[in-house]
Amino acid sequence: MSSRQAALSLYRRSLKLALDWSVHRNLWRGQALYIRSLFENNRNVADPRLQRALLKETEKLLEKWKHPDPYCAPTAPGGSKYERNLPVHNLDPPPPLKF
């Protein structure tokens, strides 16, 4: 994975992590702008060693700030409404086959 792809992945993961801590979008938006500014400040780093160090440091921060109970949509697997109101299975035996 290139450093650009890794940085984009970290940026996306950090936005999702921020959304885990503040579910309301109006509060999250300020955090998202702050995260964007942090990534923009290091956008023009050309040294591969420094890039790797920044990526490692960001990985550590994401692991440190990981939410113990991350938010998931109610209808997603693990959500409170997952598989609610499923259609009832037909328990009647199938009709006999006609030859």
PDB file of N, CA and C in Angstrom:
ATOM      1  N   MET A   1       0.844  -1.168   0.000  1.00  0.00           N
ATOM      2  CA  MET A   1       0.000   0.000   0.000  1.00  0.00           C
ATOM      3  C   MET A   1       0.891   1.234   0.000  1.00  0.00           C
ATOM      4  N   SER A   2       0.599   2.176  -0.860  1.00  0.00           N
ATOM      5  CA  SER A   2       1.395   3.394  -0.918  1.00  0.00           C
ATOM      6  C   SER A   2       1.094   4.267   0.298  1.00  0.00           C
ATOM      7  N   SER A   3       1.982   5.223   0.524  1.00  0.00           N
ATOM      8  CA  SER A   3       1.782   6.085   1.688  1.00  0.00           C
ATOM      9  C   SER A   3       0.539   6.965   1.507  1.00  0.00           C
ATOM     10  N   ARG A   4       0.237   7.300   0.261  1.00  0.00           N
ATOM     11  CA  ARG A   4      -0.982   8.094   0.002  1.00  0.00           C
ATOM     12  C   ARG A   4      -2.227   7.289   0.379  1.00  0.00           C
ATOM     13  N   GLN A   5      -2.278   6.039  -0.033  1.00  0.00           N
ATOM     14  CA  GLN A   5      -3.420   5.194   0.305  1.00  0.00           C
ATOM     15  C   GLN A   5      -3.516   4.969   1.815  1.00  0.00           C
ATOM     16  N   ALA A   6      -2.365   4.785   2.449  1.00  0.00           N
ATOM     17  CA  ALA A   6      -2.358   4.584   3.903  1.00  0.00           C
ATOM     18  C   ALA A   6      -2.860   5.838   4.620  1.00  0.00           C
ATOM     19  N   ALA A   7      -2.432   7.014   4.139  1.00  0.00           N
ATOM     20  CA  ALA A   7      -2.876   8.264   4.757  1.00  0.00           C
ATOM     21  C   ALA A   7      -4.379   8.456   4.568  1.00  0.00           C
ATOM     22  N   LEU A   8      -4.882   8.137   3.375  1.00  0.00           N
ATOM     23  CA  LEU A   8      -6.323   8.254   3.136  1.00  0.00           C
ATOM     24  C   LEU A   8      -7.105   7.292   4.023  1.00  0.00           C
ATOM     25  N   SER A   9      -6.572   6.091   4.193  1.00  0.00           N
ATOM     26  CA  SER A   9      -7.230   5.110   5.057  1.00  0.00           C
ATOM     27  C   SER A   9      -7.242   5.599   6.508  1.00  0.00           C
ATOM     28  N   LEU A  10      -6.133   6.141   6.960  1.00  0.00           N
ATOM     29  CA  LEU A  10      -6.063   6.658   8.332  1.00  0.00           C
ATOM     30  C   LEU A  10      -6.999   7.848   8.524  1.00  0.00           C
ATOM     31  N   TYR A  11      -7.070   8.706   7.513  1.00  0.00           N
ATOM     32  CA  TYR A  11      -7.962   9.869   7.592  1.00  0.00           C
ATOM     33  C   TYR A  11      -9.405   9.407   7.728  1.00  0.00           C
ATOM     34  N   ARG A  12      -9.779   8.457   6.911  1.00  0.00           N
ATOM     35  CA  ARG A  12     -11.144   7.940   6.947  1.00  0.00           C
ATOM     36  C   ARG A  12     -11.445   7.254   8.285  1.00  0.00           C
ATOM     37  N   ARG A  13     -10.496   6.455   8.762  1.00  0.00           N
ATOM     38  CA  ARG A  13     -10.687   5.783  10.044  1.00  0.00           C
ATOM     39  C   ARG A  13     -10.779   6.778  11.191  1.00  0.00           C
ATOM     40  N   SER A  14      -9.993   7.858  11.122  1.00  0.00           N
ATOM     41  CA  SER A  14     -10.039   8.850  12.192  1.00  0.00           C
ATOM     42  C   SER A  14     -11.378   9.589  12.192  1.00  0.00           C
ATOM     43  N   LEU A  15     -11.950   9.843  11.013  1.00  0.00           N
ATOM     44  CA  LEU A  15     -13.269  10.473  10.961  1.00  0.00           C
ATOM     45  C   LEU A  15     -14.334   9.545  11.551  1.00  0.00           C
ATOM     46  N   LYS A  16     -14.251   8.268  11.224  1.00  0.00           N
ATOM     47  CA  LYS A  16     -15.224   7.315  11.765  1.00  0.00           C
ATOM     48  C   LYS A  16     -15.062   7.171  13.279  1.00  0.00           C
ATOM     49  N   LEU A  17     -13.831   7.209  13.745  1.00  0.00           N
ATOM     50  CA  LEU A  17     -13.582   7.119  15.177  1.00  0.00           C
ATOM     51  C   LEU A  17     -14.138   8.344  15.890  1.00  0.00           C
ATOM     52  N   ALA A  18     -13.976   9.521  15.298  1.00  0.00           N
ATOM     53  CA  ALA A  18     -14.532  10.731  15.897  1.00  0.00           C
ATOM     54  C   ALA A  18     -16.053  10.649  15.958  1.00  0.00           C
ATOM     55  N   LEU A  19     -16.656  10.023  14.949  1.00  0.00           N
ATOM     56  CA  LEU A  19     -18.112   9.867  14.942  1.00  0.00           C
ATOM     57  C   LEU A  19     -18.570   8.888  16.023  1.00  0.00           C
ATOM     58  N   ASP A  20     -17.709   7.929  16.393  1.00  0.00           N
ATOM     59  CA  ASP A  20     -18.046   7.027  17.493  1.00  0.00           C
ATOM     60  C   ASP A  20     -18.152   7.783  18.818  1.00  0.00           C
ATOM     61  N   TRP A  21     -17.315   8.793  19.002  1.00  0.00           N
ATOM     62  CA  TRP A  21     -17.299   9.521  20.264  1.00  0.00           C
ATOM     63  C   TRP A  21     -18.370  10.603  20.330  1.00  0.00           C
ATOM     64  N   SER A  22     -18.773  11.160  19.198  1.00  0.00           N
ATOM     65  CA  SER A  22     -19.843  12.167  19.199  1.00  0.00           C
ATOM     66  C   SER A  22     -20.817  11.813  18.090  1.00  0.00           C
ATOM     67  N   VAL A  23     -21.951  11.294  18.464  1.00  0.00           N
ATOM     68  CA  VAL A  23     -22.923  10.788  17.499  1.00  0.00           C
ATOM     69  C   VAL A  23     -23.623  11.924  16.754  1.00  0.00           C
ATOM     70  N   HIS A  24     -23.788  13.076  17.377  1.00  0.00           N
ATOM     71  CA  HIS A  24     -24.471  14.200  16.740  1.00  0.00           C
ATOM     72  C   HIS A  24     -23.553  14.849  15.708  1.00  0.00           C
ATOM     73  N   ARG A  25     -24.043  14.982  14.488  1.00  0.00           N
ATOM     74  CA  ARG A  25     -23.231  15.499  13.381  1.00  0.00           C
ATOM     75  C   ARG A  25     -22.769  16.935  13.598  1.00  0.00           C
ATOM     76  N   ASN A  26     -23.579  17.756  14.244  1.00  0.00           N
ATOM     77  CA  ASN A  26     -23.159  19.143  14.443  1.00  0.00           C
ATOM     78  C   ASN A  26     -21.951  19.233  15.365  1.00  0.00           C
ATOM     79  N   LEU A  27     -21.828  18.342  16.330  1.00  0.00           N
ATOM     80  CA  LEU A  27     -20.642  18.320  17.190  1.00  0.00           C
ATOM     81  C   LEU A  27     -19.463  17.671  16.473  1.00  0.00           C
ATOM     82  N   TRP A  28     -19.752  16.665  15.671  1.00  0.00           N
ATOM     83  CA  TRP A  28     -18.721  15.929  14.952  1.00  0.00           C
ATOM     84  C   TRP A  28     -18.054  16.799  13.889  1.00  0.00           C
ATOM     85  N   ARG A  29     -18.793  17.710  13.288  1.00  0.00           N
ATOM     86  CA  ARG A  29     -18.267  18.518  12.192  1.00  0.00           C
ATOM     87  C   ARG A  29     -17.040  19.320  12.618  1.00  0.00           C
ATOM     88  N   GLY A  30     -17.061  19.899  13.807  1.00  0.00           N
ATOM     89  CA  GLY A  30     -15.902  20.646  14.305  1.00  0.00           C
ATOM     90  C   GLY A  30     -14.687  19.738  14.472  1.00  0.00           C
ATOM     91  N   GLN A  31     -14.920  18.532  14.970  1.00  0.00           N
ATOM     92  CA  GLN A  31     -13.827  17.576  15.113  1.00  0.00           C
ATOM     93  C   GLN A  31     -13.296  17.160  13.746  1.00  0.00           C
ATOM     94  N   ALA A  32     -14.187  16.994  12.775  1.00  0.00           N
ATOM     95  CA  ALA A  32     -13.773  16.598  11.428  1.00  0.00           C
ATOM     96  C   ALA A  32     -12.901  17.677  10.793  1.00  0.00           C
ATOM     97  N   LEU A  33     -13.253  18.938  11.009  1.00  0.00           N
ATOM     98  CA  LEU A  33     -12.433  20.030  10.474  1.00  0.00           C
ATOM     99  C   LEU A  33     -11.059  20.055  11.134  1.00  0.00           C
ATOM    100  N   TYR A  34     -11.006  19.786  12.425  1.00  0.00           N
ATOM    101  CA  TYR A  34      -9.725  19.745  13.124  1.00  0.00           C
ATOM    102  C   TYR A  34      -8.856  18.595  12.603  1.00  0.00           C
ATOM    103  N   ILE A  35      -9.460  17.429  12.416  1.00  0.00           N
ATOM    104  CA  ILE A  35      -8.723  16.278  11.879  1.00  0.00           C
ATOM    105  C   ILE A  35      -8.205  16.592  10.482  1.00  0.00           C
ATOM    106  N   ARG A  36      -9.041  17.227   9.672  1.00  0.00           N
ATOM    107  CA  ARG A  36      -8.623  17.592   8.317  1.00  0.00           C
ATOM    108  C   ARG A  36      -7.426  18.535   8.361  1.00  0.00           C
ATOM    109  N   SER A  37      -7.431  19.490   9.285  1.00  0.00           N
ATOM    110  CA  SER A  37      -6.308  20.433   9.382  1.00  0.00           C
ATOM    111  C   SER A  37      -5.026  19.714   9.784  1.00  0.00           C
ATOM    112  N   LEU A  38      -5.137  18.712  10.657  1.00  0.00           N
ATOM    113  CA  LEU A  38      -3.942  17.953  11.044  1.00  0.00           C
ATOM    114  C   LEU A  38      -3.346  17.208   9.851  1.00  0.00           C
ATOM    115  N   PHE A  39      -4.203  16.600   9.033  1.00  0.00           N
ATOM    116  CA  PHE A  39      -3.714  15.894   7.861  1.00  0.00           C
ATOM    117  C   PHE A  39      -3.189  16.861   6.804  1.00  0.00           C
ATOM    118  N   GLU A  40      -3.832  18.009   6.656  1.00  0.00           N
ATOM    119  CA  GLU A  40      -3.379  19.006   5.672  1.00  0.00           C
ATOM    120  C   GLU A  40      -2.010  19.564   6.048  1.00  0.00           C
ATOM    121  N   ASN A  41      -1.718  19.710   7.328  1.00  0.00           N
ATOM    122  CA  ASN A  41      -0.419  20.239   7.757  1.00  0.00           C
ATOM    123  C   ASN A  41       0.734  19.346   7.324  1.00  0.00           C
ATOM    124  N   ASN A  42       0.495  18.051   7.219  1.00  0.00           N
ATOM    125  CA  ASN A  42       1.548  17.102   6.845  1.00  0.00           C
ATOM    126  C   ASN A  42       1.389  16.586   5.418  1.00  0.00           C
ATOM    127  N   ARG A  43       0.616  17.271   4.626  1.00  0.00           N
ATOM    128  CA  ARG A  43       0.331  16.813   3.269  1.00  0.00           C
ATOM    129  C   ARG A  43       1.558  16.818   2.364  1.00  0.00           C
ATOM    130  N   ASN A  44       2.431  17.804   2.504  1.00  0.00           N
ATOM    131  CA  ASN A  44       3.558  17.965   1.590  1.00  0.00           C
ATOM    132  C   ASN A  44       4.855  17.352   2.104  1.00  0.00           C
ATOM    133  N   VAL A  45       4.771  16.443   3.029  1.00  0.00           N
ATOM    134  CA  VAL A  45       5.966  15.758   3.524  1.00  0.00           C
ATOM    135  C   VAL A  45       6.423  14.775   2.448  1.00  0.00           C
ATOM    136  N   ALA A  46       7.675  14.932   2.002  1.00  0.00           N
ATOM    137  CA  ALA A  46       8.174  14.102   0.902  1.00  0.00           C
ATOM    138  C   ALA A  46       9.132  13.008   1.376  1.00  0.00           C
ATOM    139  N   ASP A  47       9.697  13.150   2.559  1.00  0.00           N
ATOM    140  CA  ASP A  47      10.651  12.173   3.067  1.00  0.00           C
ATOM    141  C   ASP A  47       9.924  10.882   3.459  1.00  0.00           C
ATOM    142  N   PRO A  48      10.256   9.739   2.815  1.00  0.00           N
ATOM    143  CA  PRO A  48       9.555   8.480   3.120  1.00  0.00           C
ATOM    144  C   PRO A  48       9.686   8.042   4.583  1.00  0.00           C
ATOM    145  N   ARG A  49      10.836   8.293   5.192  1.00  0.00           N
ATOM    146  CA  ARG A  49      11.019   7.911   6.601  1.00  0.00           C
ATOM    147  C   ARG A  49      10.096   8.717   7.507  1.00  0.00           C
ATOM    148  N   LEU A  50      10.009  10.009   7.231  1.00  0.00           N
ATOM    149  CA  LEU A  50       9.132  10.864   8.025  1.00  0.00           C
ATOM    150  C   LEU A  50       7.668  10.496   7.787  1.00  0.00           C
ATOM    151  N   GLN A  51       7.329  10.133   6.549  1.00  0.00           N
ATOM    152  CA  GLN A  51       5.967   9.688   6.249  1.00  0.00           C
ATOM    153  C   GLN A  51       5.618   8.442   7.054  1.00  0.00           C
ATOM    154  N   ARG A  52       6.526   7.465   7.062  1.00  0.00           N
ATOM    155  CA  ARG A  52       6.280   6.235   7.831  1.00  0.00           C
ATOM    156  C   ARG A  52       6.137   6.538   9.316  1.00  0.00           C
ATOM    157  N   ALA A  53       6.970   7.442   9.819  1.00  0.00           N
ATOM    158  CA  ALA A  53       6.890   7.803  11.240  1.00  0.00           C
ATOM    159  C   ALA A  53       5.550   8.472  11.557  1.00  0.00           C
ATOM    160  N   LEU A  54       5.097   9.355  10.681  1.00  0.00           N
ATOM    161  CA  LEU A  54       3.807  10.011  10.891  1.00  0.00           C
ATOM    162  C   LEU A  54       2.664   9.003  10.836  1.00  0.00           C
ATOM    163  N   LEU A  55       2.741   8.063   9.900  1.00  0.00           N
ATOM    164  CA  LEU A  55       1.693   7.043   9.795  1.00  0.00           C
ATOM    165  C   LEU A  55       1.662   6.159  11.044  1.00  0.00           C
ATOM    166  N   LYS A  56       2.840   5.772  11.534  1.00  0.00           N
ATOM    167  CA  LYS A  56       2.897   4.958  12.756  1.00  0.00           C
ATOM    168  C   LYS A  56       2.324   5.715  13.953  1.00  0.00           C
ATOM    169  N   GLU A  57       2.689   6.978  14.057  1.00  0.00           N
ATOM    170  CA  GLU A  57       2.207   7.794  15.173  1.00  0.00           C
ATOM    171  C   GLU A  57       0.680   7.929  15.115  1.00  0.00           C
ATOM    172  N   THR A  58       0.154   8.116  13.911  1.00  0.00           N
ATOM    173  CA  THR A  58      -1.295   8.230  13.758  1.00  0.00           C
ATOM    174  C   THR A  58      -1.981   6.917  14.099  1.00  0.00           C
ATOM    175  N   GLU A  59      -1.386   5.788  13.686  1.00  0.00           N
ATOM    176  CA  GLU A  59      -1.936   4.469  14.045  1.00  0.00           C
ATOM    177  C   GLU A  59      -2.013   4.313  15.556  1.00  0.00           C
ATOM    178  N   LYS A  60      -0.958   4.719  16.253  1.00  0.00           N
ATOM    179  CA  LYS A  60      -0.937   4.621  17.718  1.00  0.00           C
ATOM    180  C   LYS A  60      -2.037   5.481  18.343  1.00  0.00           C
ATOM    181  N   LEU A  61      -2.215   6.700  17.804  1.00  0.00           N
ATOM    182  CA  LEU A  61      -3.263   7.573  18.333  1.00  0.00           C
ATOM    183  C   LEU A  61      -4.654   6.978  18.110  1.00  0.00           C
ATOM    184  N   LEU A  62      -4.873   6.397  16.933  1.00  0.00           N
ATOM    185  CA  LEU A  62      -6.172   5.788  16.664  1.00  0.00           C
ATOM    186  C   LEU A  62      -6.428   4.613  17.605  1.00  0.00           C
ATOM    187  N   GLU A  63      -5.396   3.831  17.866  1.00  0.00           N
ATOM    188  CA  GLU A  63      -5.562   2.695  18.785  1.00  0.00           C
ATOM    189  C   GLU A  63      -5.819   3.189  20.212  1.00  0.00           C
ATOM    190  N   LYS A  64      -5.152   4.274  20.591  1.00  0.00           N
ATOM    191  CA  LYS A  64      -5.329   4.829  21.932  1.00  0.00           C
ATOM    192  C   LYS A  64      -6.745   5.380  22.121  1.00  0.00           C
ATOM    193  N   TRP A  65      -7.284   6.035  21.098  1.00  0.00           N
ATOM    194  CA  TRP A  65      -8.592   6.678  21.202  1.00  0.00           C
ATOM    195  C   TRP A  65      -9.744   5.792  20.736  1.00  0.00           C
ATOM    196  N   LYS A  66      -9.479   4.536  20.500  1.00  0.00           N
ATOM    197  CA  LYS A  66     -10.520   3.623  20.038  1.00  0.00           C
ATOM    198  C   LYS A  66     -11.649   3.548  21.056  1.00  0.00           C
ATOM    199  N   HIS A  67     -12.868   3.644  20.585  1.00  0.00           N
ATOM    200  CA  HIS A  67     -14.037   3.647  21.467  1.00  0.00           C
ATOM    201  C   HIS A  67     -14.325   2.221  21.946  1.00  0.00           C
ATOM    202  N   PRO A  68     -14.625   2.037  23.240  1.00  0.00           N
ATOM    203  CA  PRO A  68     -14.889   0.681  23.748  1.00  0.00           C
ATOM    204  C   PRO A  68     -16.202   0.089  23.215  1.00  0.00           C
ATOM    205  N   ASP A  69     -17.145   0.948  22.865  1.00  0.00           N
ATOM    206  CA  ASP A  69     -18.432   0.491  22.340  1.00  0.00           C
ATOM    207  C   ASP A  69     -18.769   1.354  21.124  1.00  0.00           C
ATOM    208  N   PRO A  70     -18.169   1.048  19.954  1.00  0.00           N
ATOM    209  CA  PRO A  70     -18.353   1.927  18.794  1.00  0.00           C
ATOM    210  C   PRO A  70     -19.804   1.957  18.321  1.00  0.00           C
ATOM    211  N   TYR A  71     -20.161   3.090  17.733  1.00  0.00           N
ATOM    212  CA  TYR A  71     -21.516   3.274  17.225  1.00  0.00           C
ATOM    213  C   TYR A  71     -21.711   2.436  15.972  1.00  0.00           C
ATOM    214  N   CYS A  72     -22.847   1.789  15.882  1.00  0.00           N
ATOM    215  CA  CYS A  72     -23.223   1.111  14.637  1.00  0.00           C
ATOM    216  C   CYS A  72     -24.689   1.424  14.373  1.00  0.00           C
ATOM    217  N   ALA A  73     -25.036   1.464  13.114  1.00  0.00           N
ATOM    218  CA  ALA A  73     -26.417   1.772  12.742  1.00  0.00           C
ATOM    219  C   ALA A  73     -27.351   0.721  13.324  1.00  0.00           C
ATOM    220  N   PRO A  74     -28.551   1.105  13.715  1.00  0.00           N
ATOM    221  CA  PRO A  74     -29.467   0.146  14.337  1.00  0.00           C
ATOM    222  C   PRO A  74     -29.789  -1.054  13.457  1.00  0.00           C
ATOM    223  N   THR A  75     -29.837  -0.868  12.149  1.00  0.00           N
ATOM    224  CA  THR A  75     -30.196  -1.977  11.267  1.00  0.00           C
ATOM    225  C   THR A  75     -28.985  -2.769  10.798  1.00  0.00           C
ATOM    226  N   ALA A  76     -27.790  -2.384  11.203  1.00  0.00           N
ATOM    227  CA  ALA A  76     -26.572  -3.112  10.839  1.00  0.00           C
ATOM    228  C   ALA A  76     -26.405  -4.325  11.761  1.00  0.00           C
ATOM    229  N   PRO A  77     -25.614  -5.318  11.341  1.00  0.00           N
ATOM    230  CA  PRO A  77     -25.361  -6.454  12.238  1.00  0.00           C
ATOM    231  C   PRO A  77     -24.792  -5.965  13.568  1.00  0.00           C
ATOM    232  N   GLY A  78     -25.397  -6.405  14.650  1.00  0.00           N
ATOM    233  CA  GLY A  78     -24.996  -5.946  15.974  1.00  0.00           C
ATOM    234  C   GLY A  78     -25.823  -4.780  16.471  1.00  0.00           C
ATOM    235  N   GLY A  79     -26.631  -4.174  15.598  1.00  0.00           N
ATOM    236  CA  GLY A  79     -27.480  -3.056  15.979  1.00  0.00           C
ATOM    237  C   GLY A  79     -28.728  -3.531  16.709  1.00  0.00           C
ATOM    238  N   SER A  80     -29.436  -2.594  17.314  1.00  0.00           N
ATOM    239  CA  SER A  80     -30.596  -2.955  18.125  1.00  0.00           C
ATOM    240  C   SER A  80     -31.801  -3.405  17.299  1.00  0.00           C
ATOM    241  N   LYS A  81     -31.828  -3.072  16.009  1.00  0.00           N
ATOM    242  CA  LYS A  81     -32.961  -3.464  15.170  1.00  0.00           C
ATOM    243  C   LYS A  81     -32.575  -4.520  14.135  1.00  0.00           C
ATOM    244  N   TYR A  82     -31.382  -5.081  14.261  1.00  0.00           N
ATOM    245  CA  TYR A  82     -30.913  -6.047  13.271  1.00  0.00           C
ATOM    246  C   TYR A  82     -31.794  -7.293  13.285  1.00  0.00           C
ATOM    247  N   GLU A  83     -32.255  -7.673  12.132  1.00  0.00           N
ATOM    248  CA  GLU A  83     -33.107  -8.842  11.908  1.00  0.00           C
ATOM    249  C   GLU A  83     -34.426  -8.769  12.684  1.00  0.00           C
ATOM    250  N   ARG A  84     -34.900  -7.572  12.944  1.00  0.00           N
ATOM    251  CA  ARG A  84     -36.201  -7.424  13.586  1.00  0.00           C
ATOM    252  C   ARG A  84     -37.274  -7.491  12.506  1.00  0.00           C
ATOM    253  N   ASN A  85     -38.381  -8.074  12.823  1.00  0.00           N
ATOM    254  CA  ASN A  85     -39.518  -8.207  11.918  1.00  0.00           C
ATOM    255  C   ASN A  85     -39.173  -8.983  10.657  1.00  0.00           C
ATOM    256  N   LEU A  86     -38.476 -10.076  10.818  1.00  0.00           N
ATOM    257  CA  LEU A  86     -38.196 -10.939   9.678  1.00  0.00           C
ATOM    258  C   LEU A  86     -39.472 -11.652   9.254  1.00  0.00           C
ATOM    259  N   PRO A  87     -39.605 -11.985   7.971  1.00  0.00           N
ATOM    260  CA  PRO A  87     -40.798 -12.724   7.556  1.00  0.00           C
ATOM    261  C   PRO A  87     -40.819 -14.099   8.220  1.00  0.00           C
ATOM    262  N   VAL A  88     -42.015 -14.579   8.527  1.00  0.00           N
ATOM    263  CA  VAL A  88     -42.191 -15.864   9.194  1.00  0.00           C
ATOM    264  C   VAL A  88     -41.927 -16.982   8.195  1.00  0.00           C
ATOM    265  N   HIS A  89     -41.192 -17.977   8.637  1.00  0.00           N
ATOM    266  CA  HIS A  89     -40.911 -19.125   7.785  1.00  0.00           C
ATOM    267  C   HIS A  89     -42.156 -20.000   7.675  1.00  0.00           C
ATOM    268  N   ASN A  90     -42.390 -20.536   6.509  1.00  0.00           N
ATOM    269  CA  ASN A  90     -43.518 -21.424   6.274  1.00  0.00           C
ATOM    270  C   ASN A  90     -43.136 -22.816   6.762  1.00  0.00           C
ATOM    271  N   LEU A  91     -43.835 -23.297   7.789  1.00  0.00           N
ATOM    272  CA  LEU A  91     -43.520 -24.595   8.371  1.00  0.00           C
ATOM    273  C   LEU A  91     -44.396 -25.719   7.823  1.00  0.00           C
ATOM    274  N   ASP A  92     -45.315 -25.400   6.911  1.00  0.00           N
ATOM    275  CA  ASP A  92     -46.158 -26.431   6.308  1.00  0.00           C
ATOM    276  C   ASP A  92     -45.316 -27.316   5.406  1.00  0.00           C
ATOM    277  N   PRO A  93     -45.632 -28.605   5.362  1.00  0.00           N
ATOM    278  CA  PRO A  93     -44.862 -29.472   4.461  1.00  0.00           C
ATOM    279  C   PRO A  93     -45.157 -29.108   3.005  1.00  0.00           C
ATOM    280  N   PRO A  94     -44.206 -29.322   2.142  1.00  0.00           N
ATOM    281  CA  PRO A  94     -44.431 -28.980   0.731  1.00  0.00           C
ATOM    282  C   PRO A  94     -45.484 -29.907   0.125  1.00  0.00           C
ATOM    283  N   PRO A  95     -46.210 -29.448  -0.880  1.00  0.00           N
ATOM    284  CA  PRO A  95     -47.229 -30.304  -1.496  1.00  0.00           C
ATOM    285  C   PRO A  95     -46.564 -31.497  -2.184  1.00  0.00           C
ATOM    286  N   PRO A  96     -47.276 -32.612  -2.261  1.00  0.00           N
ATOM    287  CA  PRO A  96     -46.690 -33.795  -2.905  1.00  0.00           C
ATOM    288  C   PRO A  96     -46.436 -33.538  -4.389  1.00  0.00           C
ATOM    289  N   LEU A  97     -45.404 -34.168  -4.877  1.00  0.00           N
ATOM    290  CA  LEU A  97     -45.062 -34.008  -6.290  1.00  0.00           C
ATOM    291  C   LEU A  97     -45.995 -34.855  -7.148  1.00  0.00           C
ATOM    292  N   LYS A  98     -46.403 -34.327  -8.275  1.00  0.00           N
ATOM    293  CA  LYS A  98     -47.267 -35.062  -9.224  1.00  0.00           C
ATOM    294  C   LYS A  98     -46.419 -35.478 -10.402  1.00  0.00           C
ATOM    295  N   PHE A  99     -46.537 -36.737 -10.749  1.00  0.00           N
ATOM    296  CA  PHE A  99     -45.777 -37.235 -11.901  1.00  0.00           C
ATOM    297  C   PHE A  99     -46.654 -37.417 -13.087  1.00  0.00           C
TER     298      PHE A  99
END
